[in-house]
Amino acid sequence: MADRVENLTIGAFAQTSGVNVETVRYYQRRGLLSEPRKPLGGIRHYGESDVARVRFIKTAQRLGFTLEEVALLLKLDDGTHCSEAAAVAQHKLAEVRARLADLGRMENVLADLVARCRKARGNVSCPLISSLHSASVGSGSKGEKRPPRSTRRSPHNK
């Protein structure tokens, strides 16, 4: 039988959950994780449900969900909102597919530039560097754009 995880200090809780103490505090400030009551003159303790919640957050982040999306999923975690959760996941899937398409285009442009560099050996100007200076790399009619902020990793998506 597995040991139950109860009465963990914040340091032990963070270690058990696979995050650092500052991440625990950050999740608490963001409202993703509640702060346990502090007994008079005592130390706050975390339990199994807290560990499970942090693991949920980290798993969702690995799937590309932002902390805002994770907060929404946590609100839907009562067993009766499966269709709403599926809609959030469907939206994320569309973002991932769009990002994969962008990455495929980037791969093609870079492969072409690498091939052009190999062919241009001995020339004074490197085709890759020249293309970057002229901003003509993969710039089609609309130009290349960075992905929306929600799909980029931020230092706060711990």
N, C-alpha and C. Protein backbone atom coordinates (compact mmCIF):
# COMPACT_ATOMS: atom_id res chain seq x y z
N MET A 1 0.84 -1.19 0.00
CA MET A 1 0.00 0.00 0.00
C MET A 1 0.88 1.25 0.00
N ALA A 2 0.58 2.22 -0.83
CA ALA A 2 1.39 3.42 -0.95
C ALA A 2 1.22 4.29 0.29
N ASP A 3 2.29 4.99 0.65
CA ASP A 3 2.21 5.90 1.78
C ASP A 3 1.38 7.11 1.40
N ARG A 4 0.57 7.55 2.34
CA ARG A 4 -0.20 8.77 2.11
C ARG A 4 0.71 9.97 2.33
N VAL A 5 0.50 10.98 1.55
CA VAL A 5 1.30 12.19 1.64
C VAL A 5 0.48 13.22 2.40
N GLU A 6 0.82 13.45 3.64
CA GLU A 6 0.10 14.42 4.47
C GLU A 6 1.09 15.18 5.34
N ASN A 7 0.65 16.32 5.83
CA ASN A 7 1.42 17.12 6.78
C ASN A 7 2.81 17.49 6.28
N LEU A 8 2.89 17.86 5.01
CA LEU A 8 4.17 18.27 4.44
C LEU A 8 4.40 19.76 4.66
N THR A 9 5.61 20.12 5.04
CA THR A 9 5.97 21.54 5.07
C THR A 9 6.07 22.01 3.63
N ILE A 10 6.16 23.30 3.42
CA ILE A 10 6.20 23.82 2.05
C ILE A 10 7.40 23.27 1.28
N GLY A 11 8.54 23.13 1.93
CA GLY A 11 9.72 22.60 1.25
C GLY A 11 9.54 21.15 0.83
N ALA A 12 9.02 20.34 1.74
CA ALA A 12 8.79 18.92 1.42
C ALA A 12 7.68 18.79 0.38
N PHE A 13 6.67 19.63 0.49
CA PHE A 13 5.57 19.63 -0.49
C PHE A 13 6.10 19.97 -1.88
N ALA A 14 6.92 21.02 -1.97
CA ALA A 14 7.48 21.42 -3.26
C ALA A 14 8.31 20.29 -3.85
N GLN A 15 9.15 19.68 -3.03
CA GLN A 15 10.00 18.59 -3.51
C GLN A 15 9.16 17.40 -3.98
N THR A 16 8.16 17.03 -3.20
CA THR A 16 7.29 15.91 -3.57
C THR A 16 6.54 16.20 -4.86
N SER A 17 6.18 17.47 -5.06
CA SER A 17 5.41 17.87 -6.24
C SER A 17 6.29 18.10 -7.47
N GLY A 18 7.60 18.16 -7.28
CA GLY A 18 8.51 18.36 -8.40
C GLY A 18 8.66 19.80 -8.83
N VAL A 19 8.42 20.73 -7.90
CA VAL A 19 8.59 22.16 -8.18
C VAL A 19 9.42 22.77 -7.06
N ASN A 20 9.72 24.06 -7.18
CA ASN A 20 10.43 24.70 -6.09
C ASN A 20 9.45 25.51 -5.23
N VAL A 21 9.91 25.95 -4.08
CA VAL A 21 9.06 26.67 -3.13
C VAL A 21 8.49 27.93 -3.75
N GLU A 22 9.29 28.65 -4.53
CA GLU A 22 8.80 29.87 -5.15
C GLU A 22 7.66 29.59 -6.14
N THR A 23 7.71 28.45 -6.80
CA THR A 23 6.62 28.07 -7.70
C THR A 23 5.34 27.84 -6.90
N VAL A 24 5.45 27.18 -5.76
CA VAL A 24 4.28 26.97 -4.90
C VAL A 24 3.69 28.32 -4.52
N ARG A 25 4.52 29.23 -4.09
CA ARG A 25 4.04 30.57 -3.68
C ARG A 25 3.43 31.32 -4.87
N TYR A 26 4.06 31.18 -6.03
CA TYR A 26 3.53 31.82 -7.24
C TYR A 26 2.15 31.27 -7.57
N TYR A 27 1.97 29.97 -7.53
CA TYR A 27 0.67 29.36 -7.79
C TYR A 27 -0.37 29.84 -6.77
N GLN A 28 0.05 30.04 -5.54
CA GLN A 28 -0.87 30.56 -4.53
C GLN A 28 -1.28 31.99 -4.86
N ARG A 29 -0.32 32.82 -5.25
CA ARG A 29 -0.65 34.20 -5.61
C ARG A 29 -1.58 34.25 -6.82
N ARG A 30 -1.41 33.32 -7.76
CA ARG A 30 -2.24 33.27 -8.96
C ARG A 30 -3.61 32.64 -8.70
N GLY A 31 -3.82 32.09 -7.52
CA GLY A 31 -5.09 31.47 -7.19
C GLY A 31 -5.23 30.04 -7.70
N LEU A 32 -4.13 29.45 -8.15
CA LEU A 32 -4.16 28.08 -8.65
C LEU A 32 -4.08 27.06 -7.52
N LEU A 33 -3.56 27.48 -6.40
CA LEU A 33 -3.34 26.60 -5.26
C LEU A 33 -3.70 27.38 -4.00
N SER A 34 -4.53 26.80 -3.16
CA SER A 34 -4.90 27.51 -1.93
C SER A 34 -3.78 27.40 -0.91
N GLU A 35 -3.74 28.40 -0.06
CA GLU A 35 -2.74 28.41 1.01
C GLU A 35 -3.38 27.78 2.24
N PRO A 36 -2.79 26.73 2.78
CA PRO A 36 -3.39 26.08 3.94
C PRO A 36 -3.45 27.02 5.15
N ARG A 37 -4.41 26.75 6.02
CA ARG A 37 -4.50 27.53 7.26
C ARG A 37 -3.23 27.33 8.06
N LYS A 38 -2.86 28.36 8.76
CA LYS A 38 -1.67 28.27 9.61
C LYS A 38 -2.16 28.18 11.05
N PRO A 39 -1.91 27.05 11.71
CA PRO A 39 -2.34 26.94 13.10
C PRO A 39 -1.61 27.96 13.96
N LEU A 40 -2.21 28.33 15.07
CA LEU A 40 -1.57 29.30 15.96
C LEU A 40 -0.14 28.89 16.28
N GLY A 41 0.78 29.75 15.92
CA GLY A 41 2.19 29.49 16.18
C GLY A 41 2.75 28.30 15.44
N GLY A 42 2.03 27.84 14.45
CA GLY A 42 2.47 26.64 13.75
C GLY A 42 2.90 26.89 12.32
N ILE A 43 3.11 25.81 11.64
CA ILE A 43 3.57 25.82 10.25
C ILE A 43 2.47 25.27 9.37
N ARG A 44 2.29 25.88 8.21
CA ARG A 44 1.30 25.38 7.26
C ARG A 44 1.72 24.00 6.77
N HIS A 45 0.72 23.15 6.57
CA HIS A 45 0.99 21.81 6.07
C HIS A 45 0.17 21.53 4.83
N TYR A 46 0.78 20.80 3.92
CA TYR A 46 0.15 20.44 2.65
C TYR A 46 -0.09 18.94 2.63
N GLY A 47 -1.06 18.54 1.81
CA GLY A 47 -1.40 17.12 1.75
C GLY A 47 -1.46 16.57 0.35
N GLU A 48 -1.99 15.38 0.26
CA GLU A 48 -2.07 14.64 -0.99
C GLU A 48 -2.84 15.40 -2.08
N SER A 49 -3.94 16.04 -1.70
CA SER A 49 -4.73 16.77 -2.70
C SER A 49 -3.95 17.96 -3.26
N ASP A 50 -3.11 18.57 -2.43
CA ASP A 50 -2.28 19.68 -2.91
C ASP A 50 -1.23 19.18 -3.90
N VAL A 51 -0.62 18.04 -3.59
CA VAL A 51 0.37 17.44 -4.49
C VAL A 51 -0.30 17.11 -5.82
N ALA A 52 -1.49 16.52 -5.77
CA ALA A 52 -2.21 16.16 -6.99
C ALA A 52 -2.54 17.40 -7.81
N ARG A 53 -2.89 18.50 -7.15
CA ARG A 53 -3.23 19.73 -7.86
C ARG A 53 -2.00 20.29 -8.59
N VAL A 54 -0.85 20.32 -7.92
CA VAL A 54 0.36 20.82 -8.58
C VAL A 54 0.74 19.92 -9.75
N ARG A 55 0.60 18.64 -9.58
CA ARG A 55 0.91 17.72 -10.68
C ARG A 55 -0.05 17.93 -11.85
N PHE A 56 -1.32 18.22 -11.57
CA PHE A 56 -2.29 18.56 -12.61
C PHE A 56 -1.81 19.80 -13.38
N ILE A 57 -1.42 20.83 -12.63
CA ILE A 57 -0.96 22.08 -13.24
C ILE A 57 0.24 21.81 -14.15
N LYS A 58 1.22 21.08 -13.64
CA LYS A 58 2.43 20.81 -14.43
C LYS A 58 2.13 19.96 -15.66
N THR A 59 1.25 18.99 -15.53
CA THR A 59 0.89 18.16 -16.68
C THR A 59 0.19 19.00 -17.74
N ALA A 60 -0.73 19.86 -17.31
CA ALA A 60 -1.43 20.74 -18.26
C ALA A 60 -0.45 21.67 -18.95
N GLN A 61 0.52 22.20 -18.22
CA GLN A 61 1.52 23.07 -18.83
C GLN A 61 2.34 22.33 -19.88
N ARG A 62 2.70 21.08 -19.59
CA ARG A 62 3.47 20.30 -20.56
C ARG A 62 2.66 20.08 -21.85
N LEU A 63 1.35 20.11 -21.75
CA LEU A 63 0.50 19.99 -22.93
C LEU A 63 0.30 21.33 -23.63
N GLY A 64 0.91 22.38 -23.10
CA GLY A 64 0.87 23.68 -23.74
C GLY A 64 -0.15 24.65 -23.18
N PHE A 65 -0.88 24.26 -22.15
CA PHE A 65 -1.87 25.16 -21.57
C PHE A 65 -1.16 26.26 -20.78
N THR A 66 -1.66 27.48 -20.92
CA THR A 66 -1.15 28.60 -20.13
C THR A 66 -1.71 28.49 -18.72
N LEU A 67 -1.16 29.26 -17.80
CA LEU A 67 -1.69 29.22 -16.44
C LEU A 67 -3.13 29.73 -16.39
N GLU A 68 -3.49 30.66 -17.26
CA GLU A 68 -4.88 31.12 -17.32
C GLU A 68 -5.80 29.98 -17.75
N GLU A 69 -5.35 29.21 -18.73
CA GLU A 69 -6.14 28.06 -19.19
C GLU A 69 -6.19 26.97 -18.13
N VAL A 70 -5.09 26.79 -17.42
CA VAL A 70 -5.07 25.81 -16.33
C VAL A 70 -6.08 26.21 -15.26
N ALA A 71 -6.12 27.50 -14.93
CA ALA A 71 -7.09 27.98 -13.93
C ALA A 71 -8.51 27.66 -14.38
N LEU A 72 -8.79 27.86 -15.66
CA LEU A 72 -10.12 27.54 -16.18
C LEU A 72 -10.40 26.05 -16.07
N LEU A 73 -9.43 25.22 -16.44
CA LEU A 73 -9.61 23.77 -16.34
C LEU A 73 -9.84 23.34 -14.89
N LEU A 74 -9.14 23.96 -13.97
CA LEU A 74 -9.33 23.63 -12.56
C LEU A 74 -10.74 23.98 -12.10
N LYS A 75 -11.28 25.08 -12.61
CA LYS A 75 -12.66 25.46 -12.26
C LYS A 75 -13.67 24.46 -12.83
N LEU A 76 -13.30 23.83 -13.93
CA LEU A 76 -14.20 22.87 -14.59
C LEU A 76 -14.05 21.46 -14.02
N ASP A 77 -13.17 21.29 -13.05
CA ASP A 77 -12.85 19.97 -12.52
C ASP A 77 -13.82 19.51 -11.43
N ASP A 78 -15.09 19.42 -11.80
CA ASP A 78 -16.06 18.90 -10.83
C ASP A 78 -16.83 17.71 -11.40
N GLY A 79 -16.42 17.27 -12.58
CA GLY A 79 -17.04 16.10 -13.18
C GLY A 79 -18.26 16.38 -14.03
N THR A 80 -18.73 17.63 -14.05
CA THR A 80 -19.95 17.94 -14.80
C THR A 80 -19.71 18.86 -15.99
N HIS A 81 -18.49 19.24 -16.23
CA HIS A 81 -18.17 20.21 -17.28
C HIS A 81 -17.28 19.62 -18.37
N CYS A 82 -17.48 18.37 -18.70
CA CYS A 82 -16.61 17.71 -19.67
C CYS A 82 -16.66 18.41 -21.03
N SER A 83 -17.83 18.85 -21.47
CA SER A 83 -17.92 19.48 -22.79
C SER A 83 -17.17 20.82 -22.81
N GLU A 84 -17.23 21.56 -21.70
CA GLU A 84 -16.49 22.82 -21.63
C GLU A 84 -14.98 22.56 -21.62
N ALA A 85 -14.56 21.55 -20.87
CA ALA A 85 -13.14 21.20 -20.83
C ALA A 85 -12.68 20.74 -22.21
N ALA A 86 -13.52 19.98 -22.89
CA ALA A 86 -13.19 19.52 -24.25
C ALA A 86 -13.05 20.71 -25.19
N ALA A 87 -13.87 21.73 -25.02
CA ALA A 87 -13.78 22.92 -25.87
C ALA A 87 -12.46 23.64 -25.64
N VAL A 88 -12.02 23.73 -24.39
CA VAL A 88 -10.73 24.35 -24.08
C VAL A 88 -9.61 23.54 -24.74
N ALA A 89 -9.70 22.22 -24.63
CA ALA A 89 -8.68 21.35 -25.24
C ALA A 89 -8.71 21.44 -26.76
N GLN A 90 -9.89 21.55 -27.35
CA GLN A 90 -10.02 21.67 -28.80
C GLN A 90 -9.36 22.96 -29.29
N HIS A 91 -9.56 24.04 -28.54
CA HIS A 91 -8.92 25.32 -28.88
C HIS A 91 -7.40 25.19 -28.79
N LYS A 92 -6.91 24.51 -27.75
CA LYS A 92 -5.46 24.31 -27.60
C LYS A 92 -4.92 23.45 -28.73
N LEU A 93 -5.68 22.42 -29.11
CA LEU A 93 -5.27 21.56 -30.22
C LEU A 93 -5.15 22.36 -31.51
N ALA A 94 -6.08 23.27 -31.76
CA ALA A 94 -6.01 24.12 -32.95
C ALA A 94 -4.76 25.00 -32.90
N GLU A 95 -4.44 25.55 -31.72
CA GLU A 95 -3.22 26.35 -31.57
C GLU A 95 -1.98 25.52 -31.84
N VAL A 96 -1.95 24.31 -31.31
CA VAL A 96 -0.79 23.43 -31.51
C VAL A 96 -0.63 23.10 -32.98
N ARG A 97 -1.73 22.79 -33.65
CA ARG A 97 -1.65 22.47 -35.08
C ARG A 97 -1.18 23.67 -35.90
N ALA A 98 -1.63 24.86 -35.54
CA ALA A 98 -1.17 26.07 -36.24
C ALA A 98 0.32 26.28 -35.99
N ARG A 99 0.75 26.05 -34.77
CA ARG A 99 2.17 26.20 -34.44
C ARG A 99 3.01 25.17 -35.19
N LEU A 100 2.51 23.94 -35.29
CA LEU A 100 3.22 22.91 -36.05
C LEU A 100 3.34 23.30 -37.52
N ALA A 101 2.28 23.88 -38.08
CA ALA A 101 2.33 24.34 -39.47
C ALA A 101 3.38 25.44 -39.62
N ASP A 102 3.41 26.38 -38.67
CA ASP A 102 4.42 27.44 -38.69
C ASP A 102 5.83 26.85 -38.59
N LEU A 103 5.99 25.89 -37.70
CA LEU A 103 7.31 25.25 -37.55
C LEU A 103 7.71 24.52 -38.82
N GLY A 104 6.76 23.90 -39.50
CA GLY A 104 7.05 23.24 -40.77
C GLY A 104 7.54 24.23 -41.82
N ARG A 105 6.87 25.40 -41.87
CA ARG A 105 7.32 26.44 -42.81
C ARG A 105 8.71 26.94 -42.45
N MET A 106 8.95 27.14 -41.16
CA MET A 106 10.27 27.58 -40.71
C MET A 106 11.34 26.55 -41.07
N GLU A 107 11.02 25.29 -40.89
CA GLU A 107 11.96 24.22 -41.23
C GLU A 107 12.30 24.26 -42.72
N ASN A 108 11.30 24.44 -43.56
CA ASN A 108 11.54 24.49 -45.01
C ASN A 108 12.42 25.66 -45.40
N VAL A 109 12.14 26.83 -44.82
CA VAL A 109 12.94 28.02 -45.13
C VAL A 109 14.38 27.82 -44.67
N LEU A 110 14.55 27.33 -43.45
CA LEU A 110 15.90 27.12 -42.94
C LEU A 110 16.65 26.06 -43.74
N ALA A 111 15.98 24.99 -44.12
CA ALA A 111 16.63 23.95 -44.92
C ALA A 111 17.08 24.53 -46.26
N ASP A 112 16.24 25.37 -46.86
CA ASP A 112 16.60 26.01 -48.12
C ASP A 112 17.81 26.92 -47.94
N LEU A 113 17.82 27.70 -46.87
CA LEU A 113 18.94 28.60 -46.63
C LEU A 113 20.24 27.83 -46.36
N VAL A 114 20.15 26.75 -45.62
CA VAL A 114 21.34 25.93 -45.37
C VAL A 114 21.87 25.36 -46.68
N ALA A 115 20.97 24.88 -47.52
CA ALA A 115 21.38 24.34 -48.83
C ALA A 115 22.03 25.42 -49.68
N ARG A 116 21.46 26.62 -49.65
CA ARG A 116 22.04 27.73 -50.43
C ARG A 116 23.41 28.11 -49.88
N CYS A 117 23.59 28.05 -48.57
CA CYS A 117 24.90 28.35 -47.98
C CYS A 117 25.94 27.33 -48.43
N ARG A 118 25.55 26.08 -48.47
CA ARG A 118 26.49 25.03 -48.89
C ARG A 118 26.91 25.20 -50.34
N LYS A 119 25.97 25.64 -51.18
CA LYS A 119 26.27 25.84 -52.60
C LYS A 119 27.12 27.09 -52.83
N ALA A 120 27.03 28.05 -51.93
CA ALA A 120 27.68 29.35 -52.14
C ALA A 120 29.08 29.42 -51.55
N ARG A 121 29.68 28.30 -51.22
CA ARG A 121 31.02 28.31 -50.62
C ARG A 121 31.98 29.09 -51.50
N GLY A 122 32.75 29.93 -50.85
CA GLY A 122 33.74 30.72 -51.58
C GLY A 122 33.20 32.07 -52.02
N ASN A 123 31.87 32.24 -52.01
CA ASN A 123 31.31 33.55 -52.35
C ASN A 123 31.57 34.51 -51.20
N VAL A 124 31.57 35.79 -51.55
CA VAL A 124 31.83 36.81 -50.54
C VAL A 124 30.66 36.92 -49.57
N SER A 125 29.45 36.81 -50.04
CA SER A 125 28.27 37.00 -49.22
C SER A 125 27.57 35.67 -48.93
N CYS A 126 27.25 35.44 -47.69
CA CYS A 126 26.53 34.23 -47.29
C CYS A 126 25.04 34.43 -47.58
N PRO A 127 24.40 33.53 -48.31
CA PRO A 127 22.97 33.68 -48.63
C PRO A 127 22.08 33.78 -47.39
N LEU A 128 22.42 33.05 -46.35
CA LEU A 128 21.60 33.10 -45.14
C LEU A 128 21.67 34.49 -44.50
N ILE A 129 22.88 34.98 -44.31
CA ILE A 129 23.07 36.30 -43.70
C ILE A 129 22.44 37.38 -44.58
N SER A 130 22.63 37.29 -45.88
CA SER A 130 22.03 38.27 -46.80
C SER A 130 20.51 38.25 -46.71
N SER A 131 19.93 37.05 -46.64
CA SER A 131 18.48 36.94 -46.55
C SER A 131 17.95 37.55 -45.26
N LEU A 132 18.67 37.33 -44.17
CA LEU A 132 18.23 37.90 -42.90
C LEU A 132 18.33 39.42 -42.91
N HIS A 133 19.38 39.95 -43.56
CA HIS A 133 19.51 41.41 -43.66
C HIS A 133 18.40 42.00 -44.51
N SER A 134 18.02 41.31 -45.56
CA SER A 134 17.01 41.87 -46.46
C SER A 134 15.59 41.56 -45.98
N ALA A 135 15.46 40.78 -44.92
CA ALA A 135 14.14 40.42 -44.37
C ALA A 135 13.27 39.73 -45.39
N SER A 136 13.88 39.04 -46.34
CA SER A 136 13.09 38.36 -47.37
C SER A 136 12.86 36.90 -47.04
N VAL A 137 13.37 36.45 -45.92
CA VAL A 137 13.26 35.04 -45.56
C VAL A 137 11.81 34.71 -45.23
N GLY A 138 11.21 33.84 -46.03
CA GLY A 138 9.86 33.36 -45.76
C GLY A 138 8.85 34.44 -45.54
N SER A 139 9.05 35.60 -46.17
CA SER A 139 8.19 36.73 -45.83
C SER A 139 6.92 36.81 -46.65
N GLY A 140 6.64 35.90 -47.51
CA GLY A 140 5.36 35.90 -48.22
C GLY A 140 4.70 37.26 -48.27
N SER A 141 3.44 37.33 -48.57
CA SER A 141 2.77 38.61 -48.69
C SER A 141 2.44 39.22 -47.33
N LYS A 142 2.25 38.39 -46.31
CA LYS A 142 1.87 38.91 -45.01
C LYS A 142 3.07 39.08 -44.08
N GLY A 143 4.19 38.45 -44.38
CA GLY A 143 5.34 38.50 -43.49
C GLY A 143 5.18 37.50 -42.36
N GLU A 144 6.29 37.18 -41.74
CA GLU A 144 6.27 36.24 -40.64
C GLU A 144 5.96 36.99 -39.36
N LYS A 145 5.17 36.37 -38.51
CA LYS A 145 4.84 36.96 -37.23
C LYS A 145 5.23 35.99 -36.13
N ARG A 146 5.49 36.54 -34.96
CA ARG A 146 5.72 35.70 -33.79
C ARG A 146 4.40 35.08 -33.38
N PRO A 147 4.45 33.93 -32.72
CA PRO A 147 3.20 33.34 -32.25
C PRO A 147 2.57 34.24 -31.19
N PRO A 148 1.26 34.14 -30.99
CA PRO A 148 0.62 34.96 -29.97
C PRO A 148 1.24 34.69 -28.61
N ARG A 149 1.21 35.69 -27.75
CA ARG A 149 1.81 35.59 -26.42
C ARG A 149 1.34 34.34 -25.68
N SER A 150 0.08 33.97 -25.88
CA SER A 150 -0.48 32.84 -25.15
C SER A 150 0.17 31.52 -25.52
N THR A 151 0.84 31.45 -26.67
CA THR A 151 1.45 30.18 -27.08
C THR A 151 2.95 30.15 -26.83
N ARG A 152 3.52 31.28 -26.39
CA ARG A 152 4.95 31.29 -26.08
C ARG A 152 5.14 30.99 -24.61
N ARG A 153 6.27 30.37 -24.29
CA ARG A 153 6.58 30.07 -22.90
C ARG A 153 7.05 31.35 -22.23
N SER A 154 6.61 31.59 -21.03
CA SER A 154 7.08 32.74 -20.29
C SER A 154 7.77 32.25 -19.03
N PRO A 155 8.60 33.10 -18.42
CA PRO A 155 9.27 32.67 -17.20
C PRO A 155 8.28 32.40 -16.08
N HIS A 156 7.05 32.89 -16.22
CA HIS A 156 6.05 32.67 -15.18
C HIS A 156 5.31 31.37 -15.36
N ASN A 157 5.48 30.70 -16.48
CA ASN A 157 4.84 29.40 -16.70
C ASN A 157 5.74 28.32 -16.13
N LYS A 158 5.92 28.38 -14.87
CA LYS A 158 6.84 27.47 -14.19
C LYS A 158 6.25 26.11 -14.05
